[in-house]
Amino acid sequence: MTKKNQSAMATDLVKQGQGELFSVIDPPNLPEKPYWPDRFKLSLLGLIFGMVLALGTTAVVEMLDVRIHRNEDVRSLLAVPVLAGIPVLQTADEQRKQQLRRRAEAIAASGLAALIPAITLFTYYRG
């Protein structure tokens, strides 16, 4: 009997349009910034990870390099003493080219060291 009464009451409410009437009291609020990913932390983490990866790769390549660069390398490989060393003899033109190359390398490295964080910040603030 109670089920019949509840059914009849629901039917009456639907007929009157009160059963389907909903009103939004508090509309949903959209977030001001995304919850995830935090772009600044992600950019900073990528920058640090890239630098560590580059330094690690450089260290591994240098450790696996078997070329002889110094007198100590020769002494560690051979049991006999080194009798004579041949100095590097460069002309003035070769010295100037070497200085230009070193300056170009320093400028390129400085430029990249400044450009990478600048691009990261630009990308972060631009969205």
N, C-alpha and C. Protein backbone atom coordinates (compact mmCIF):
# COMPACT_ATOMS: atom_id res chain seq x y z
N MET A 1 0.81 -1.18 0.00
CA MET A 1 0.00 0.00 0.00
C MET A 1 0.87 1.27 0.00
N THR A 2 1.99 1.25 0.79
CA THR A 2 2.87 2.42 0.84
C THR A 2 3.57 2.63 -0.49
N LYS A 3 3.94 1.52 -1.13
CA LYS A 3 4.57 1.66 -2.44
C LYS A 3 3.61 2.26 -3.45
N LYS A 4 2.34 1.88 -3.37
CA LYS A 4 1.35 2.41 -4.29
C LYS A 4 1.17 3.90 -4.05
N ASN A 5 1.17 4.32 -2.79
CA ASN A 5 1.01 5.73 -2.47
C ASN A 5 2.22 6.55 -2.95
N GLN A 6 3.41 6.00 -2.75
CA GLN A 6 4.64 6.69 -3.20
C GLN A 6 4.66 6.82 -4.72
N SER A 7 4.22 5.78 -5.39
CA SER A 7 4.18 5.81 -6.85
C SER A 7 3.18 6.85 -7.34
N ALA A 8 2.06 6.91 -6.70
CA ALA A 8 1.03 7.88 -7.09
C ALA A 8 1.53 9.30 -6.83
N MET A 9 2.19 9.51 -5.70
CA MET A 9 2.71 10.83 -5.39
C MET A 9 3.79 11.24 -6.41
N ALA A 10 4.67 10.33 -6.79
CA ALA A 10 5.70 10.62 -7.78
C ALA A 10 5.08 10.94 -9.13
N THR A 11 4.02 10.22 -9.48
CA THR A 11 3.34 10.46 -10.75
C THR A 11 2.69 11.85 -10.74
N ASP A 12 2.07 12.22 -9.62
CA ASP A 12 1.46 13.55 -9.52
C ASP A 12 2.52 14.66 -9.63
N LEU A 13 3.69 14.46 -8.99
CA LEU A 13 4.75 15.47 -9.05
C LEU A 13 5.27 15.63 -10.47
N VAL A 14 5.39 14.51 -11.17
CA VAL A 14 5.88 14.57 -12.54
C VAL A 14 4.85 15.29 -13.42
N LYS A 15 3.59 15.01 -13.20
CA LYS A 15 2.54 15.66 -13.99
C LYS A 15 2.52 17.17 -13.75
N GLN A 16 2.78 17.56 -12.53
CA GLN A 16 2.77 18.98 -12.20
C GLN A 16 4.08 19.66 -12.59
N GLY A 17 5.12 18.89 -12.90
CA GLY A 17 6.41 19.47 -13.31
C GLY A 17 7.31 19.80 -12.14
N GLN A 18 6.93 19.44 -10.94
CA GLN A 18 7.75 19.74 -9.78
C GLN A 18 8.83 18.69 -9.57
N GLY A 19 8.63 17.52 -10.07
CA GLY A 19 9.60 16.45 -9.87
C GLY A 19 10.84 16.62 -10.71
N GLU A 20 10.76 17.40 -11.78
CA GLU A 20 11.90 17.57 -12.66
C GLU A 20 12.51 18.96 -12.58
N LEU A 21 12.09 19.73 -11.64
CA LEU A 21 12.57 21.10 -11.53
C LEU A 21 13.79 21.13 -10.62
N PHE A 22 14.94 21.47 -11.21
CA PHE A 22 16.19 21.58 -10.46
C PHE A 22 16.71 23.00 -10.61
N SER A 23 17.25 23.53 -9.56
CA SER A 23 17.86 24.85 -9.65
C SER A 23 19.28 24.76 -9.10
N VAL A 24 20.21 25.41 -9.78
CA VAL A 24 21.60 25.41 -9.36
C VAL A 24 21.79 26.51 -8.35
N ILE A 25 22.15 26.13 -7.15
CA ILE A 25 22.33 27.11 -6.08
C ILE A 25 23.71 27.76 -6.18
N ASP A 26 24.76 26.95 -6.34
CA ASP A 26 26.12 27.46 -6.43
C ASP A 26 26.76 26.91 -7.70
N PRO A 27 26.96 27.74 -8.72
CA PRO A 27 27.54 27.22 -9.96
C PRO A 27 28.99 26.76 -9.72
N PRO A 28 29.45 25.81 -10.51
CA PRO A 28 30.82 25.31 -10.33
C PRO A 28 31.84 26.38 -10.66
N ASN A 29 32.93 26.37 -9.92
CA ASN A 29 34.02 27.33 -10.13
C ASN A 29 35.12 26.66 -10.94
N LEU A 30 35.55 27.32 -11.99
CA LEU A 30 36.66 26.79 -12.78
C LEU A 30 37.97 27.16 -12.10
N PRO A 31 38.96 26.27 -12.15
CA PRO A 31 40.25 26.58 -11.51
C PRO A 31 40.97 27.71 -12.24
N GLU A 32 41.72 28.50 -11.48
CA GLU A 32 42.47 29.60 -12.08
C GLU A 32 43.73 29.12 -12.77
N LYS A 33 44.34 28.07 -12.26
CA LYS A 33 45.52 27.49 -12.90
C LYS A 33 45.39 25.98 -12.85
N PRO A 34 46.02 25.28 -13.78
CA PRO A 34 45.88 23.83 -13.81
C PRO A 34 46.48 23.19 -12.56
N TYR A 35 45.86 22.11 -12.14
CA TYR A 35 46.36 21.38 -10.98
C TYR A 35 47.67 20.68 -11.32
N TRP A 36 47.71 20.05 -12.49
CA TRP A 36 48.90 19.34 -12.93
C TRP A 36 48.99 19.47 -14.43
N PRO A 37 50.06 19.59 -15.06
CA PRO A 37 51.42 19.67 -14.53
C PRO A 37 51.76 21.11 -14.13
N ASP A 38 52.61 21.22 -13.15
CA ASP A 38 53.15 22.53 -12.78
C ASP A 38 54.27 22.82 -13.77
N ARG A 39 53.99 23.71 -14.69
CA ARG A 39 54.92 23.93 -15.81
C ARG A 39 56.28 24.42 -15.37
N PHE A 40 56.31 25.26 -14.35
CA PHE A 40 57.60 25.78 -13.89
C PHE A 40 58.46 24.66 -13.32
N LYS A 41 57.88 23.84 -12.46
CA LYS A 41 58.63 22.72 -11.88
C LYS A 41 59.04 21.73 -12.96
N LEU A 42 58.15 21.48 -13.91
CA LEU A 42 58.46 20.55 -14.99
C LEU A 42 59.58 21.09 -15.87
N SER A 43 59.56 22.39 -16.16
CA SER A 43 60.62 23.01 -16.96
C SER A 43 61.95 22.98 -16.20
N LEU A 44 61.90 23.30 -14.92
CA LEU A 44 63.11 23.29 -14.11
C LEU A 44 63.67 21.88 -14.00
N LEU A 45 62.79 20.90 -13.81
CA LEU A 45 63.23 19.51 -13.73
C LEU A 45 63.85 19.06 -15.06
N GLY A 46 63.25 19.46 -16.18
CA GLY A 46 63.81 19.11 -17.48
C GLY A 46 65.17 19.75 -17.71
N LEU A 47 65.33 21.01 -17.28
CA LEU A 47 66.61 21.70 -17.41
C LEU A 47 67.69 21.01 -16.58
N ILE A 48 67.36 20.68 -15.35
CA ILE A 48 68.33 20.00 -14.47
C ILE A 48 68.65 18.62 -15.00
N PHE A 49 67.62 17.87 -15.42
CA PHE A 49 67.84 16.53 -15.95
C PHE A 49 68.71 16.57 -17.21
N GLY A 50 68.47 17.55 -18.07
CA GLY A 50 69.28 17.68 -19.28
C GLY A 50 70.74 17.98 -18.97
N MET A 51 70.96 18.86 -17.99
CA MET A 51 72.34 19.20 -17.62
C MET A 51 73.05 18.00 -17.00
N VAL A 52 72.35 17.27 -16.12
CA VAL A 52 72.96 16.08 -15.51
C VAL A 52 73.24 15.02 -16.56
N LEU A 53 72.32 14.84 -17.49
CA LEU A 53 72.52 13.87 -18.56
C LEU A 53 73.71 14.25 -19.44
N ALA A 54 73.83 15.54 -19.76
CA ALA A 54 74.96 15.99 -20.59
C ALA A 54 76.29 15.81 -19.86
N LEU A 55 76.33 16.18 -18.58
CA LEU A 55 77.57 16.01 -17.81
C LEU A 55 77.91 14.53 -17.64
N GLY A 56 76.92 13.70 -17.38
CA GLY A 56 77.15 12.27 -17.24
C GLY A 56 77.66 11.63 -18.53
N THR A 57 77.05 12.02 -19.64
CA THR A 57 77.49 11.50 -20.94
C THR A 57 78.93 11.93 -21.23
N THR A 58 79.24 13.18 -20.95
CA THR A 58 80.61 13.67 -21.16
C THR A 58 81.60 12.92 -20.29
N ALA A 59 81.25 12.68 -19.04
CA ALA A 59 82.15 11.96 -18.13
C ALA A 59 82.38 10.52 -18.60
N VAL A 60 81.32 9.86 -19.04
CA VAL A 60 81.46 8.47 -19.51
C VAL A 60 82.31 8.43 -20.77
N VAL A 61 82.09 9.35 -21.70
CA VAL A 61 82.88 9.37 -22.94
C VAL A 61 84.36 9.63 -22.63
N GLU A 62 84.63 10.54 -21.70
CA GLU A 62 86.02 10.82 -21.33
C GLU A 62 86.68 9.63 -20.63
N MET A 63 85.93 8.92 -19.81
CA MET A 63 86.52 7.75 -19.12
C MET A 63 86.80 6.61 -20.09
N LEU A 64 85.98 6.48 -21.12
CA LEU A 64 86.17 5.40 -22.09
C LEU A 64 87.15 5.76 -23.20
N ASP A 65 87.62 7.00 -23.24
CA ASP A 65 88.55 7.45 -24.26
C ASP A 65 89.92 6.83 -24.00
N VAL A 66 90.50 6.17 -25.00
CA VAL A 66 91.78 5.49 -24.82
C VAL A 66 92.94 6.26 -25.47
N ARG A 67 92.69 7.44 -25.94
CA ARG A 67 93.76 8.21 -26.57
C ARG A 67 94.73 8.74 -25.52
N ILE A 68 95.95 9.00 -25.94
CA ILE A 68 96.99 9.51 -25.06
C ILE A 68 97.06 11.02 -25.24
N HIS A 69 96.89 11.75 -24.11
CA HIS A 69 96.89 13.21 -24.16
C HIS A 69 98.04 13.83 -23.37
N ARG A 70 98.53 13.16 -22.35
CA ARG A 70 99.54 13.75 -21.47
C ARG A 70 100.72 12.79 -21.31
N ASN A 71 101.81 13.32 -20.78
CA ASN A 71 102.98 12.49 -20.51
C ASN A 71 102.66 11.41 -19.48
N GLU A 72 101.81 11.73 -18.50
CA GLU A 72 101.46 10.76 -17.47
C GLU A 72 100.73 9.56 -18.06
N ASP A 73 99.97 9.78 -19.14
CA ASP A 73 99.28 8.68 -19.81
C ASP A 73 100.29 7.70 -20.42
N VAL A 74 101.33 8.25 -21.02
CA VAL A 74 102.37 7.40 -21.63
C VAL A 74 103.10 6.63 -20.54
N ARG A 75 103.44 7.31 -19.45
CA ARG A 75 104.17 6.65 -18.35
C ARG A 75 103.34 5.53 -17.72
N SER A 76 102.02 5.72 -17.65
CA SER A 76 101.19 4.68 -17.05
C SER A 76 101.02 3.47 -17.99
N LEU A 77 101.14 3.68 -19.30
CA LEU A 77 100.98 2.59 -20.25
C LEU A 77 102.28 1.82 -20.52
N LEU A 78 103.40 2.51 -20.49
CA LEU A 78 104.67 1.89 -20.82
C LEU A 78 105.54 1.74 -19.59
N ALA A 79 106.34 0.70 -19.56
CA ALA A 79 107.23 0.47 -18.43
C ALA A 79 108.57 1.18 -18.61
N VAL A 80 108.81 1.71 -19.80
CA VAL A 80 110.07 2.38 -20.07
C VAL A 80 109.91 3.87 -19.89
N PRO A 81 110.98 4.57 -19.52
CA PRO A 81 110.86 6.02 -19.35
C PRO A 81 110.78 6.74 -20.70
N VAL A 82 110.18 7.90 -20.68
CA VAL A 82 110.08 8.73 -21.87
C VAL A 82 111.41 9.45 -22.04
N LEU A 83 112.04 9.30 -23.18
CA LEU A 83 113.35 9.90 -23.41
C LEU A 83 113.25 11.36 -23.85
N ALA A 84 112.26 11.65 -24.69
CA ALA A 84 112.15 13.02 -25.19
C ALA A 84 110.70 13.32 -25.52
N GLY A 85 110.33 14.56 -25.37
CA GLY A 85 109.00 15.00 -25.74
C GLY A 85 109.10 15.98 -26.89
N ILE A 86 108.17 15.92 -27.79
CA ILE A 86 108.17 16.81 -28.93
C ILE A 86 107.16 17.91 -28.66
N PRO A 87 107.62 19.15 -28.55
CA PRO A 87 106.68 20.23 -28.27
C PRO A 87 105.84 20.56 -29.50
N VAL A 88 104.69 21.14 -29.24
CA VAL A 88 103.82 21.57 -30.33
C VAL A 88 104.36 22.89 -30.87
N LEU A 89 104.66 22.91 -32.14
CA LEU A 89 105.17 24.11 -32.78
C LEU A 89 104.09 24.66 -33.70
N GLN A 90 103.59 25.85 -33.36
CA GLN A 90 102.53 26.46 -34.16
C GLN A 90 103.03 27.76 -34.76
N THR A 91 102.55 28.02 -35.95
CA THR A 91 102.85 29.30 -36.58
C THR A 91 101.93 30.37 -35.99
N ALA A 92 102.23 31.60 -36.31
CA ALA A 92 101.40 32.71 -35.81
C ALA A 92 99.97 32.60 -36.35
N ASP A 93 99.83 32.15 -37.57
CA ASP A 93 98.51 31.98 -38.17
C ASP A 93 97.72 30.89 -37.44
N GLU A 94 98.38 29.78 -37.13
CA GLU A 94 97.72 28.69 -36.40
C GLU A 94 97.32 29.13 -34.99
N GLN A 95 98.16 29.90 -34.33
CA GLN A 95 97.83 30.40 -32.99
C GLN A 95 96.63 31.34 -33.04
N ARG A 96 96.58 32.20 -34.06
CA ARG A 96 95.46 33.12 -34.19
C ARG A 96 94.16 32.36 -34.47
N LYS A 97 94.22 31.35 -35.33
CA LYS A 97 93.04 30.53 -35.61
C LYS A 97 92.57 29.79 -34.37
N GLN A 98 93.52 29.29 -33.58
CA GLN A 98 93.16 28.58 -32.36
C GLN A 98 92.49 29.53 -31.36
N GLN A 99 93.01 30.75 -31.25
CA GLN A 99 92.39 31.73 -30.35
C GLN A 99 90.99 32.11 -30.83
N LEU A 100 90.81 32.29 -32.12
CA LEU A 100 89.49 32.60 -32.66
C LEU A 100 88.50 31.46 -32.40
N ARG A 101 88.97 30.23 -32.58
CA ARG A 101 88.11 29.08 -32.33
C ARG A 101 87.71 28.99 -30.86
N ARG A 102 88.67 29.24 -29.96
CA ARG A 102 88.35 29.22 -28.53
C ARG A 102 87.36 30.31 -28.16
N ARG A 103 87.53 31.50 -28.74
CA ARG A 103 86.59 32.59 -28.46
C ARG A 103 85.20 32.27 -29.00
N ALA A 104 85.15 31.69 -30.21
CA ALA A 104 83.86 31.31 -30.79
C ALA A 104 83.18 30.24 -29.93
N GLU A 105 83.95 29.27 -29.43
CA GLU A 105 83.38 28.24 -28.56
C GLU A 105 82.86 28.86 -27.26
N ALA A 106 83.61 29.80 -26.68
CA ALA A 106 83.18 30.45 -25.44
C ALA A 106 81.92 31.27 -25.67
N ILE A 107 81.85 31.98 -26.79
CA ILE A 107 80.66 32.77 -27.10
C ILE A 107 79.46 31.86 -27.33
N ALA A 108 79.65 30.78 -28.06
CA ALA A 108 78.55 29.84 -28.31
C ALA A 108 78.06 29.20 -27.00
N ALA A 109 78.98 28.80 -26.15
CA ALA A 109 78.60 28.19 -24.87
C ALA A 109 77.86 29.19 -23.98
N SER A 110 78.35 30.43 -23.94
CA SER A 110 77.68 31.46 -23.15
C SER A 110 76.30 31.76 -23.71
N GLY A 111 76.21 31.83 -25.01
CA GLY A 111 74.91 32.08 -25.64
C GLY A 111 73.90 30.99 -25.34
N LEU A 112 74.34 29.74 -25.44
CA LEU A 112 73.43 28.63 -25.13
C LEU A 112 73.07 28.60 -23.64
N ALA A 113 74.05 28.90 -22.79
CA ALA A 113 73.78 28.92 -21.35
C ALA A 113 72.75 29.99 -21.00
N ALA A 114 72.71 31.08 -21.74
CA ALA A 114 71.71 32.13 -21.50
C ALA A 114 70.41 31.85 -22.25
N LEU A 115 70.49 31.24 -23.41
CA LEU A 115 69.33 31.02 -24.25
C LEU A 115 68.40 29.94 -23.71
N ILE A 116 68.95 28.87 -23.18
CA ILE A 116 68.12 27.76 -22.70
C ILE A 116 67.19 28.20 -21.56
N PRO A 117 67.70 28.85 -20.49
CA PRO A 117 66.76 29.32 -19.46
C PRO A 117 65.80 30.38 -19.97
N ALA A 118 66.24 31.23 -20.90
CA ALA A 118 65.36 32.26 -21.44
C ALA A 118 64.20 31.63 -22.20
N ILE A 119 64.47 30.63 -23.01
CA ILE A 119 63.41 29.94 -23.74
C ILE A 119 62.49 29.21 -22.78
N THR A 120 63.04 28.61 -21.74
CA THR A 120 62.23 27.92 -20.74
C THR A 120 61.28 28.89 -20.06
N LEU A 121 61.77 30.05 -19.65
CA LEU A 121 60.91 31.05 -19.01
C LEU A 121 59.87 31.60 -19.98
N PHE A 122 60.26 31.85 -21.23
CA PHE A 122 59.32 32.34 -22.24
C PHE A 122 58.19 31.34 -22.44
N THR A 123 58.54 30.07 -22.56
CA THR A 123 57.54 29.03 -22.74
C THR A 123 56.64 28.92 -21.51
N TYR A 124 57.21 29.06 -20.32
CA TYR A 124 56.43 28.97 -19.10
C TYR A 124 55.42 30.11 -19.00
N TYR A 125 55.86 31.33 -19.25
CA TYR A 125 54.98 32.47 -19.09
C TYR A 125 53.98 32.62 -20.25
N ARG A 126 54.34 32.12 -21.40
CA ARG A 126 53.43 32.22 -22.55
C ARG A 126 52.30 31.21 -22.43
N GLY A 127 52.60 30.10 -21.80
CA GLY A 127 51.54 29.10 -21.57
C GLY A 127 51.52 28.11 -22.66
